[in-house]
Protein backbone atom coordinates (compact mmCIF):
# COMPACT_ATOMS: atom_id res chain seq x y z
CA MET A 1 -21.39 -15.53 4.14
CA ARG A 2 -20.70 -14.06 0.68
CA ALA A 3 -17.08 -13.81 -0.36
CA ALA A 4 -14.90 -13.49 -3.46
CA PHE A 5 -12.33 -16.25 -3.77
CA TYR A 6 -10.21 -18.33 -6.12
CA ASP A 7 -9.16 -21.98 -6.13
CA GLY A 8 -6.18 -21.63 -8.46
CA TYR A 9 -3.94 -18.96 -9.95
CA GLY A 10 -4.78 -17.26 -13.22
CA SER A 11 -6.53 -14.33 -14.86
CA PRO A 12 -9.36 -12.38 -13.19
CA ASP A 13 -11.67 -15.08 -14.54
CA VAL A 14 -10.57 -17.42 -11.72
CA LEU A 15 -12.36 -15.17 -9.22
CA ARG A 16 -15.73 -16.41 -8.00
CA VAL A 17 -18.34 -14.92 -5.68
CA GLY A 18 -20.34 -17.31 -3.52
CA ASP A 19 -21.16 -18.55 -0.06
CA ILE A 20 -18.42 -19.93 2.18
CA PRO A 21 -18.29 -20.65 5.94
CA LYS A 22 -18.07 -17.66 8.21
CA PRO A 23 -14.68 -17.76 9.98
CA ASP A 24 -14.54 -18.96 13.56
CA LEU A 25 -12.83 -16.83 16.19
CA ARG A 26 -9.53 -17.92 17.71
CA PRO A 27 -7.89 -16.53 20.86
CA GLY A 28 -6.56 -13.04 20.29
CA GLU A 29 -8.93 -12.36 17.40
CA ALA A 30 -11.90 -10.07 16.79
CA LEU A 31 -14.74 -10.43 14.31
CA MET A 32 -15.06 -7.61 11.77
CA ARG A 33 -18.11 -6.96 9.64
CA VAL A 34 -16.20 -5.89 6.55
CA ALA A 35 -17.60 -2.78 4.91
CA THR A 36 -14.96 -2.24 2.24
CA SER A 37 -12.07 -4.14 0.69
CA GLY A 38 -9.19 -2.40 -1.09
CA ILE A 39 -7.25 -3.81 -4.05
CA ASN A 40 -3.45 -3.59 -4.07
CA PRO A 41 -1.09 -4.49 -6.94
CA SER A 42 0.17 -7.31 -4.70
CA ASP A 43 -3.36 -8.78 -4.57
CA VAL A 44 -3.49 -8.91 -8.36
CA LYS A 45 0.01 -10.40 -8.59
CA ARG A 46 -0.84 -13.06 -6.04
CA ARG A 47 -4.06 -14.05 -7.82
CA ALA A 48 -2.03 -14.39 -11.04
CA GLY A 49 0.64 -16.57 -9.41
CA TRP A 50 3.33 -13.96 -9.96
CA GLY A 51 6.90 -15.18 -9.81
CA GLY A 52 5.98 -18.78 -10.47
CA ALA A 53 4.46 -19.27 -7.02
CA ALA A 54 3.30 -22.79 -6.19
CA TRP A 55 -0.40 -23.12 -5.36
CA PRO A 56 -0.71 -23.53 -1.55
CA GLY A 57 -3.44 -26.14 -1.76
CA HIS A 58 -6.31 -24.22 -0.17
CA ARG A 59 -8.99 -21.73 -1.24
CA ILE A 60 -7.98 -18.06 -1.02
CA VAL A 61 -10.42 -15.25 -0.27
CA ALA A 62 -9.03 -12.22 -2.09
CA HIS A 63 -7.34 -9.09 -0.73
CA CYS A 64 -5.50 -8.14 2.42
CA ASP A 65 -6.69 -4.59 3.22
CA GLY A 66 -10.10 -3.46 4.36
CA ALA A 67 -12.22 -1.60 6.90
CA GLY A 68 -15.36 -2.20 8.89
CA GLU A 69 -16.87 -2.50 12.36
CA VAL A 70 -15.65 -4.89 15.03
CA VAL A 71 -18.68 -6.72 16.42
CA ALA A 72 -17.28 -9.48 18.65
CA ALA A 73 -14.08 -10.69 20.29
CA ALA A 74 -12.78 -14.13 21.20
CA ASP A 75 -11.46 -13.02 24.58
CA ALA A 76 -10.52 -10.06 26.74
CA VAL A 77 -7.67 -9.12 24.39
CA GLY A 78 -10.11 -8.06 21.68
CA GLN A 79 -12.96 -6.83 23.87
CA PRO A 80 -11.89 -3.13 23.80
CA TRP A 81 -12.34 -3.17 20.01
CA VAL A 82 -15.97 -4.33 20.05
CA GLY A 83 -18.26 -1.65 18.63
CA ARG A 84 -15.37 0.30 17.11
CA ARG A 85 -14.67 1.27 13.52
CA ALA A 86 -11.33 -0.03 12.30
CA TRP A 87 -9.10 -0.62 9.32
CA LEU A 88 -6.74 -3.53 9.15
CA TRP A 89 -3.31 -4.20 7.84
CA SER A 90 -2.75 -7.73 6.74
CA VAL A 91 -0.15 -10.21 5.64
CA PRO A 92 -0.96 -13.08 3.26
CA GLY A 93 -0.60 -16.66 4.36
CA ARG A 94 -1.13 -18.39 7.66
CA THR A 95 -2.37 -15.36 9.63
CA PHE A 96 -5.87 -15.85 8.20
CA LEU A 97 -5.69 -19.54 7.30
CA ARG A 98 -8.27 -22.03 8.53
CA PRO A 99 -7.95 -25.70 7.48
CA THR A 100 -9.20 -25.27 3.91
CA ILE A 101 -9.68 -21.52 3.42
CA GLU A 102 -7.34 -18.54 3.69
CA TYR A 103 -9.60 -15.63 4.57
CA GLY A 104 -9.09 -12.16 3.06
CA THR A 105 -11.07 -8.94 3.15
CA ALA A 106 -13.20 -9.58 0.04
CA ALA A 107 -15.91 -11.03 2.26
CA GLU A 108 -18.74 -10.01 4.55
CA TRP A 109 -16.90 -11.14 7.71
CA LEU A 110 -13.29 -11.56 8.77
CA ALA A 111 -11.67 -12.88 11.95
CA VAL A 112 -8.78 -10.47 12.53
CA PRO A 113 -5.86 -10.84 14.94
CA VAL A 114 -6.16 -7.88 17.30
CA ALA A 115 -2.58 -6.89 16.47
CA ASN A 116 -3.70 -6.26 12.86
CA LEU A 117 -6.40 -3.73 13.78
CA ALA A 118 -6.06 0.05 13.63
CA PRO A 119 -8.64 2.67 14.63
CA LEU A 120 -10.63 4.44 11.94
CA PRO A 121 -11.58 7.87 13.32
CA ASP A 122 -15.22 8.92 13.30
CA GLY A 123 -16.09 10.74 10.12
CA VAL A 124 -13.50 8.94 8.01
CA ASP A 125 -15.22 6.94 5.28
CA TYR A 126 -14.82 3.16 5.28
CA ARG A 127 -13.65 3.51 1.68
CA VAL A 128 -10.66 5.50 2.92
CA GLY A 129 -9.96 2.82 5.51
CA ALA A 130 -9.73 0.21 2.76
CA CYS A 131 -7.02 2.26 1.03
CA LEU A 132 -4.63 2.26 4.00
CA GLY A 133 -3.06 -1.04 5.10
CA VAL A 134 -0.24 -1.97 2.72
CA PRO A 135 0.08 1.43 0.95
CA ALA A 136 0.01 3.64 4.05
CA ILE A 137 2.32 1.51 6.19
CA THR A 138 4.74 1.12 3.27
CA ALA A 139 4.69 4.86 2.62
CA HIS A 140 5.29 5.69 6.27
CA PHE A 141 8.29 3.41 6.63
CA ALA A 142 9.77 4.57 3.32
CA VAL A 143 9.50 8.22 4.29
CA PHE A 144 10.47 8.08 7.97
CA ALA A 145 12.54 4.94 8.63
CA ASP A 146 15.77 6.90 8.47
CA GLY A 147 14.68 9.89 10.51
CA PRO A 148 12.71 13.12 10.15
CA VAL A 149 12.37 14.70 6.72
CA ALA A 150 11.66 18.30 7.76
CA GLY A 151 13.86 20.58 5.66
CA LYS A 152 14.96 17.74 3.37
CA THR A 153 14.22 17.25 -0.31
CA VAL A 154 12.26 14.06 -0.93
CA LEU A 155 11.60 12.60 -4.37
CA VAL A 156 8.75 10.08 -4.70
CA GLN A 157 8.91 7.92 -7.80
CA GLY A 158 5.37 7.19 -8.94
CA GLY A 159 3.91 9.98 -6.84
CA GLY A 160 0.42 9.34 -8.20
CA GLY A 161 0.35 5.65 -7.25
CA ALA A 162 -1.21 4.09 -4.16
CA VAL A 163 1.98 4.17 -2.06
CA GLY A 164 3.44 7.21 -3.80
CA GLU A 165 0.43 9.45 -3.20
CA LEU A 166 0.47 8.77 0.54
CA ALA A 167 4.26 9.16 0.69
CA VAL A 168 3.89 12.59 -0.95
CA GLN A 169 1.23 13.61 1.57
CA MET A 170 3.23 12.33 4.55
CA ALA A 171 6.51 13.92 3.51
CA SER A 172 4.85 17.23 2.64
CA ALA A 173 2.93 17.37 5.94
CA ALA A 174 6.20 16.63 7.78
CA GLY A 175 7.93 19.68 6.34
CA ALA A 176 9.85 18.20 3.42
CA ARG A 177 10.20 19.75 0.01
CA VAL A 178 8.59 17.10 -2.18
CA ILE A 179 9.32 16.30 -5.81
CA ALA A 180 7.38 13.54 -7.56
CA THR A 181 7.52 11.67 -10.82
CA ALA A 182 4.51 10.49 -12.80
CA ARG A 183 3.82 8.90 -16.18
CA SER A 184 0.38 10.33 -16.90
CA ASP A 185 -1.45 13.63 -16.48
CA ALA A 186 -3.95 11.98 -14.12
CA ARG A 187 -1.23 10.67 -11.81
CA ALA A 188 0.65 13.97 -11.98
CA ALA A 189 -2.51 15.74 -10.78
CA ILE A 190 -2.79 13.31 -7.85
CA ALA A 191 0.82 14.01 -6.82
CA ARG A 192 0.36 17.79 -7.05
CA ALA A 193 -2.83 17.64 -5.00
CA GLY A 194 -0.91 15.70 -2.35
CA GLY A 195 1.68 18.44 -1.94
CA ALA A 196 4.38 17.82 -4.55
CA GLU A 197 6.10 21.07 -5.47
CA HIS A 198 7.29 19.74 -8.83
CA VAL A 199 6.05 16.73 -10.82
CA ILE A 200 8.44 15.37 -13.44
CA ASP A 201 7.38 13.14 -16.34
CA THR A 202 10.01 10.39 -16.38
CA ARG A 203 9.14 9.52 -19.96
CA ALA A 204 10.96 12.68 -21.01
CA ALA A 205 14.59 12.23 -22.08
CA ASP A 206 15.73 15.07 -19.83
CA ALA A 207 13.75 14.03 -16.73
CA ASP A 208 16.88 13.78 -14.57
CA GLU A 209 17.98 17.26 -15.70
CA ALA A 210 14.55 18.61 -14.77
CA VAL A 211 14.92 17.18 -11.25
CA LEU A 212 18.40 18.69 -10.83
CA ALA A 213 17.21 22.04 -12.20
CA ALA A 214 14.61 22.08 -9.44
CA CYS A 215 17.03 20.67 -6.81
CA PRO A 216 20.65 21.49 -7.76
CA ASP A 217 22.05 19.80 -4.63
CA GLY A 218 20.22 16.58 -5.40
CA ILE A 219 17.65 14.47 -3.58
CA ASP A 220 18.14 13.70 0.12
CA ARG A 221 15.64 10.83 0.30
CA LEU A 222 14.26 9.02 -2.72
CA ILE A 223 11.24 6.70 -2.46
CA GLU A 224 11.45 4.10 -5.22
CA VAL A 225 8.58 2.09 -6.73
CA ASP A 226 10.61 0.24 -9.40
CA PHE A 227 14.25 -0.04 -8.37
CA GLY A 228 15.56 -1.95 -11.39
CA ALA A 229 13.91 0.28 -13.96
CA ASN A 230 14.92 3.55 -12.30
CA ILE A 231 18.29 3.00 -10.62
CA ASP A 232 20.30 4.79 -13.31
CA PHE A 233 17.98 7.79 -12.99
CA ASP A 234 18.16 7.61 -9.20
CA MET A 235 21.96 7.51 -9.32
CA ARG A 236 22.05 10.75 -11.28
CA VAL A 237 19.71 12.71 -9.01
CA ILE A 238 20.58 11.42 -5.53
CA ALA A 239 22.52 13.84 -3.32
CA THR A 240 25.85 12.98 -1.75
CA GLY A 241 24.98 10.84 1.25
CA GLY A 242 21.39 10.54 0.06
CA MET A 243 19.15 7.57 0.79
CA ILE A 244 17.26 5.48 -1.78
CA VAL A 245 14.39 3.53 -0.18
CA SER A 246 12.87 0.92 -2.48
CA TYR A 247 9.75 -1.15 -1.89
CA SER A 248 9.48 -2.83 -5.30
CA SER A 249 11.31 -3.75 -8.51
CA THR A 250 8.54 -5.26 -10.57
CA SER A 251 9.82 -4.67 -14.08
CA ARG A 252 13.38 -5.85 -13.35
CA PRO A 253 13.40 -8.29 -10.43
CA ASN A 254 17.17 -8.90 -10.73
CA PRO A 255 18.64 -5.45 -11.40
CA VAL A 256 22.25 -4.49 -12.02
CA ILE A 257 23.31 -1.37 -10.12
CA PRO A 258 25.84 1.33 -11.14
CA TYR A 259 28.05 0.57 -8.16
CA TYR A 260 30.86 3.10 -8.52
CA ALA A 261 28.59 5.96 -9.54
CA LEU A 262 26.62 5.37 -6.35
CA GLN A 263 29.79 4.84 -4.31
CA ARG A 264 31.20 8.20 -5.39
CA LYS A 265 28.12 9.80 -3.83
CA ALA A 266 28.27 7.58 -0.72
CA ALA A 267 24.65 6.80 -1.50
CA LEU A 268 22.69 4.56 0.86
CA ILE A 269 20.19 1.94 -0.32
CA ARG A 270 17.45 0.58 1.90
CA LEU A 271 15.25 -2.25 0.62
CA MET A 272 11.99 -2.84 2.44
CA SER A 273 9.03 -5.20 2.55
CA ASN A 274 5.79 -4.22 4.23
CA TYR A 275 5.20 -7.83 5.20
CA ILE A 276 8.23 -8.19 7.50
CA LEU A 277 8.28 -4.83 9.28
CA SER A 278 8.79 -4.95 13.03
CA PRO A 279 5.84 -4.42 15.39
CA GLN A 280 7.53 -1.19 16.49
CA SER A 281 7.64 0.13 12.91
CA ILE A 282 4.02 -0.83 12.30
CA GLY A 283 2.93 0.73 15.58
CA ALA A 284 4.69 3.99 14.70
CA ALA A 285 3.04 3.96 11.28
CA VAL A 286 -0.44 3.33 12.71
CA ASP A 287 -0.05 6.15 15.23
CA HIS A 288 1.11 8.58 12.54
CA ILE A 289 -1.62 7.51 10.11
CA THR A 290 -4.28 7.93 12.81
CA THR A 291 -3.04 11.43 13.60
CA MET A 292 -3.15 12.41 9.93
CA LEU A 293 -6.63 10.94 9.47
CA GLU A 294 -7.90 12.88 12.48
CA ALA A 295 -6.39 16.06 11.04
CA GLY A 296 -7.86 15.39 7.60
CA SER A 297 -4.42 15.47 5.99
CA LEU A 298 -4.32 11.92 4.64
CA HIS A 299 -6.69 11.38 1.74
CA PRO A 300 -6.08 8.59 -0.77
CA THR A 301 -7.64 9.07 -4.18
CA ILE A 302 -10.49 6.64 -4.83
CA ALA A 303 -11.02 6.04 -8.54
CA MET A 304 -13.79 3.46 -8.37
CA ASP A 305 -16.02 1.80 -5.80
CA MET A 306 -17.75 -1.33 -6.91
CA PRO A 307 -19.91 -4.12 -5.48
CA LEU A 308 -18.22 -7.33 -4.37
CA ALA A 309 -19.84 -9.15 -7.30
CA ALA A 310 -17.79 -7.01 -9.72
CA ILE A 311 -14.43 -8.15 -8.34
CA ALA A 312 -13.22 -9.63 -11.64
CA ASP A 313 -13.85 -6.32 -13.43
CA ALA A 314 -12.14 -4.51 -10.56
CA HIS A 315 -9.03 -6.68 -10.99
CA ARG A 316 -9.03 -6.00 -14.73
CA ALA A 317 -9.15 -2.27 -14.05
CA GLN A 318 -6.29 -2.60 -11.56
CA GLU A 319 -4.21 -4.46 -14.12
CA LYS A 320 -4.71 -1.65 -16.63
CA GLY A 321 -3.09 0.84 -14.25
CA MET A 322 -6.09 2.73 -12.92
CA SER A 323 -5.15 6.11 -11.41
CA GLY A 324 -6.41 5.95 -7.84
CA LYS A 325 -7.57 3.11 -5.63
CA ILE A 326 -10.34 0.64 -6.40
CA VAL A 327 -12.59 -0.27 -3.47
CA LEU A 328 -15.17 -3.04 -3.19
CA HIS A 329 -18.27 -2.86 -0.96
CA CYS A 330 -18.64 -6.10 0.96
CA SER A 331 -21.64 -5.59 3.27
CA GLU A 332 -25.11 -4.43 2.30
């Protein structure tokens, strides 16, 4: 089968497209004909060897999110999925590892553990399905892990990003008053279209004052994309007893926090990783995402869709900070 893979960390130039063995099915797995593969920032970081990661010693087929049709099952566990459209949420590493290849979604076929499958409602484009996975499950947990948000004020940092856009849509649909931040006009437009009442440009010197002018009592729940870079800002705008939920701190991996300023507000900090959420949390997210897809109220912005052969260019575009998701087409 055709796939896009790399045999060592580096720039997008390490990516190759060629023929590799089709994955065999193991107990508890189903075979998906992959229609689309989505690119996440974590996919680009992993390909680059971010954080000084040691090479695992096997070929890696790129990407961990995608969508397609389930065509076969290894056993009775996966049989109910055969013939169904699905999207998948994935974790890197041994889940998709065969002896010499770690299989990802940038391929024509993928053997998927049944527990990693989620239904893609009829009428929802496969491209949309490829944009769910990591961003949608992260957004759901960040918004709802600490209870309902109806009537609360939620601020989404990076409201025009992959996670941020879906967090804005989820919080708005759940009855929250949503404020977002963005660093470009294009991303601000994405956040507004998703339901943000105000969009603040955090490049402005008075960005925190603009948030407090819109929400004098402060932010009840703050979804954070870059904890280290934004914690001083977050400290100023969080409400007394408010919750900061962070899923990344890329620019400052080892941040220093303003402890007493946060203590005086009795602020709560929750750090999360999509890759270690409980099955219960993932199940709740999948159910909620399915409901929103069926209602037509969850709609990630797709900036580009490209053929699998263009994966290196797609990674370059992702690294430049493309507004909206980039999707690859894997099956003809």
